N, C-alpha and C. Protein backbone atom coordinates (compact mmCIF):
# COMPACT_ATOMS: atom_id res chain seq x y z
N MET A 1 -2.57 3.31 -35.62
CA MET A 1 -0.99 3.28 -35.10
C MET A 1 -0.07 3.06 -34.68
N ARG A 2 0.45 3.09 -34.22
CA ARG A 2 2.17 3.73 -33.70
C ARG A 2 3.40 3.98 -33.99
N ARG A 3 3.94 4.72 -34.03
CA ARG A 3 5.23 4.55 -33.93
C ARG A 3 6.27 3.45 -33.82
N TYR A 4 7.27 2.58 -34.17
CA TYR A 4 8.32 2.04 -33.92
C TYR A 4 8.98 2.32 -34.04
N ARG A 5 10.48 2.13 -34.10
CA ARG A 5 11.35 3.02 -33.70
C ARG A 5 12.33 0.88 -33.83
N ASN A 6 14.24 1.20 -34.64
CA ASN A 6 14.36 -0.29 -34.20
C ASN A 6 15.70 0.64 -33.65
N HIS A 7 16.77 -0.08 -33.21
CA HIS A 7 17.15 0.24 -31.78
C HIS A 7 18.40 0.73 -32.40
N GLU A 8 18.55 1.47 -34.12
CA GLU A 8 18.80 2.53 -33.98
C GLU A 8 18.22 3.56 -34.24
N GLY A 9 17.46 3.80 -33.82
CA GLY A 9 16.53 4.46 -33.84
C GLY A 9 15.48 4.70 -35.35
N TYR A 10 15.60 4.69 -36.39
CA TYR A 10 15.04 4.55 -37.62
C TYR A 10 13.18 4.13 -36.96
N CYS A 11 12.85 5.17 -37.80
CA CYS A 11 11.43 4.52 -37.57
C CYS A 11 11.40 2.95 -38.87
N ASP A 12 10.17 1.61 -37.95
CA ASP A 12 9.89 0.78 -38.73
C ASP A 12 8.75 0.55 -38.50
N PRO A 13 8.51 0.39 -40.04
CA PRO A 13 6.73 0.05 -39.80
C PRO A 13 6.18 -1.32 -39.93
N THR A 14 7.39 -1.85 -40.40
CA THR A 14 6.49 -3.59 -40.57
C THR A 14 7.17 -4.49 -39.44
N ALA A 15 7.68 -3.58 -38.49
CA ALA A 15 8.09 -4.66 -37.06
C ALA A 15 7.41 -3.84 -36.32
N GLY A 16 6.91 -2.34 -36.38
CA GLY A 16 5.50 -1.80 -35.45
C GLY A 16 4.19 -2.55 -35.79
N GLN A 17 4.36 -3.25 -36.76
CA GLN A 17 2.71 -3.73 -37.43
C GLN A 17 2.79 -5.16 -36.48
N ALA A 18 3.91 -5.67 -36.38
CA ALA A 18 3.84 -6.75 -36.01
C ALA A 18 3.68 -6.53 -34.28
N MET A 19 4.63 -6.03 -33.60
CA MET A 19 4.61 -5.85 -32.56
C MET A 19 2.89 -5.15 -31.16
N GLU A 20 2.42 -4.35 -32.96
CA GLU A 20 1.11 -3.99 -32.63
C GLU A 20 -0.37 -5.10 -32.24
N ASN A 21 0.54 -6.86 -32.77
CA ASN A 21 -0.32 -7.60 -33.12
C ASN A 21 -0.25 -8.09 -31.68
N ILE A 22 1.34 -8.51 -31.64
CA ILE A 22 1.32 -9.17 -30.32
C ILE A 22 0.76 -8.60 -28.90
N THR A 23 0.92 -7.07 -29.08
CA THR A 23 0.81 -6.74 -27.58
C THR A 23 -0.83 -6.84 -27.77
N ARG A 24 -1.77 -7.06 -28.92
CA ARG A 24 -3.09 -7.01 -28.72
C ARG A 24 -4.32 -8.35 -28.77
N GLU A 25 -3.72 -9.09 -29.46
CA GLU A 25 -3.82 -10.18 -29.33
C GLU A 25 -3.56 -10.98 -27.86
N GLU A 26 -2.02 -10.46 -26.76
CA GLU A 26 -1.64 -10.37 -24.92
C GLU A 26 -3.49 -9.37 -24.43
N ARG A 27 -3.20 -8.17 -25.23
CA ARG A 27 -4.61 -7.83 -24.13
C ARG A 27 -5.76 -8.80 -24.24
N ARG A 28 -5.83 -9.04 -25.79
CA ARG A 28 -7.63 -9.60 -25.81
C ARG A 28 -7.25 -10.60 -25.30
N ARG A 29 -5.82 -11.79 -25.18
CA ARG A 29 -6.20 -12.86 -23.87
C ARG A 29 -6.38 -12.53 -22.41
N ARG A 30 -5.73 -11.82 -21.77
CA ARG A 30 -5.82 -11.20 -21.14
C ARG A 30 -6.98 -10.75 -19.96
N LYS A 31 -8.07 -10.00 -20.88
CA LYS A 31 -9.18 -9.82 -21.15
C LYS A 31 -10.23 -10.80 -21.23
N ALA A 32 -10.11 -11.98 -21.65
CA ALA A 32 -10.43 -13.31 -21.29
C ALA A 32 -10.15 -14.00 -20.49
N LEU A 33 -9.33 -14.06 -19.48
CA LEU A 33 -8.83 -14.21 -18.37
C LEU A 33 -9.84 -14.43 -17.33
N LEU A 34 -9.08 -13.28 -17.48
CA LEU A 34 -10.63 -12.15 -16.49
C LEU A 34 -11.91 -12.03 -16.44
N VAL A 35 -12.82 -12.37 -17.44
CA VAL A 35 -13.60 -12.65 -17.72
C VAL A 35 -13.85 -13.51 -17.29
N GLN A 36 -13.31 -14.83 -17.68
CA GLN A 36 -13.49 -16.37 -16.72
C GLN A 36 -13.58 -16.17 -15.48
N GLU A 37 -12.31 -15.98 -14.56
CA GLU A 37 -12.43 -15.63 -14.05
C GLU A 37 -13.49 -15.15 -12.30
N GLU A 38 -14.41 -14.04 -13.09
CA GLU A 38 -15.36 -12.87 -12.49
C GLU A 38 -16.42 -14.58 -12.86
N GLN A 39 -16.51 -15.03 -14.00
CA GLN A 39 -17.20 -16.53 -13.96
C GLN A 39 -17.18 -17.27 -12.80
N LYS A 40 -16.27 -17.61 -12.66
CA LYS A 40 -15.78 -18.24 -11.74
C LYS A 40 -17.19 -18.18 -10.09
N PRO A 41 -17.82 -20.18 -9.93
CA PRO A 41 -18.34 -19.54 -8.22
C PRO A 41 -17.25 -19.35 -7.60
N ASP A 42 -18.06 -18.33 -6.81
CA ASP A 42 -17.28 -18.60 -5.12
C ASP A 42 -16.77 -19.33 -4.57
N LYS A 43 -15.51 -19.69 -4.21
CA LYS A 43 -16.34 -20.80 -2.54
C LYS A 43 -15.91 -20.91 -1.41
N PRO A 44 -16.29 -21.93 -1.58
CA PRO A 44 -17.15 -22.36 -0.15
C PRO A 44 -16.38 -22.10 1.48
N LEU A 45 -16.07 -20.90 2.40
CA LEU A 45 -15.37 -20.75 3.14
C LEU A 45 -15.07 -22.17 3.79
N SER A 46 -14.05 -22.50 4.38
CA SER A 46 -14.09 -23.85 4.96
C SER A 46 -14.39 -22.83 6.50
N PRO A 47 -15.09 -24.66 7.44
CA PRO A 47 -15.87 -24.41 8.56
C PRO A 47 -14.42 -23.72 10.19
N ARG A 48 -15.29 -22.75 10.77
CA ARG A 48 -14.11 -21.98 11.48
C ARG A 48 -14.43 -22.50 12.69
N TYR A 49 -13.50 -23.45 13.54
CA TYR A 49 -13.60 -24.49 14.94
C TYR A 49 -13.34 -22.95 15.36
N VAL A 50 -14.27 -22.47 17.01
CA VAL A 50 -14.15 -22.22 17.73
C VAL A 50 -13.06 -22.22 18.98
N ASN A 51 -13.86 -23.90 19.24
CA ASN A 51 -12.19 -24.38 19.84
C ASN A 51 -11.16 -25.03 19.96
N LYS A 52 -10.78 -24.93 18.67
CA LYS A 52 -9.76 -25.50 17.50
C LYS A 52 -8.75 -25.92 18.26
N PRO A 53 -8.47 -26.93 19.01
CA PRO A 53 -7.57 -25.99 19.48
C PRO A 53 -6.08 -26.24 18.65
N LYS A 54 -5.05 -25.85 19.53
CA LYS A 54 -3.36 -25.10 18.42
C LYS A 54 -2.83 -26.10 18.99
N ASN A 55 -1.26 -25.64 18.18
CA ASN A 55 -0.76 -26.30 18.01
C ASN A 55 0.67 -26.18 19.47
N ARG A 56 0.93 -26.89 19.93
CA ARG A 56 1.45 -25.95 21.18
C ARG A 56 2.47 -27.52 21.40
N ARG A 57 3.91 -25.83 21.38
CA ARG A 57 5.14 -28.02 21.74
C ARG A 57 4.53 -28.73 23.01
N ARG A 58 5.63 -29.35 23.29
CA ARG A 58 5.30 -30.45 24.51
C ARG A 58 7.03 -29.68 25.15
N ASN A 59 6.41 -30.34 26.08
CA ASN A 59 7.25 -29.38 26.84
C ASN A 59 7.90 -31.18 27.98
N GLY A 60 8.96 -31.81 27.78
CA GLY A 60 9.40 -32.56 28.10
C GLY A 60 10.31 -32.83 27.69
């Protein structure tokens, strides 16, 4: 457990434990999201058209 100090600089183990629990849960959720992202199948690429007409301004 890391030492946590309050805004006055005094050691505050109760708040430190609470903050540690919060950060641990955030890390756990972030890791779960990364695992989900890795398991998603890759999206198929959209077909590329070689001679696709480009949008051009009309002179007129």
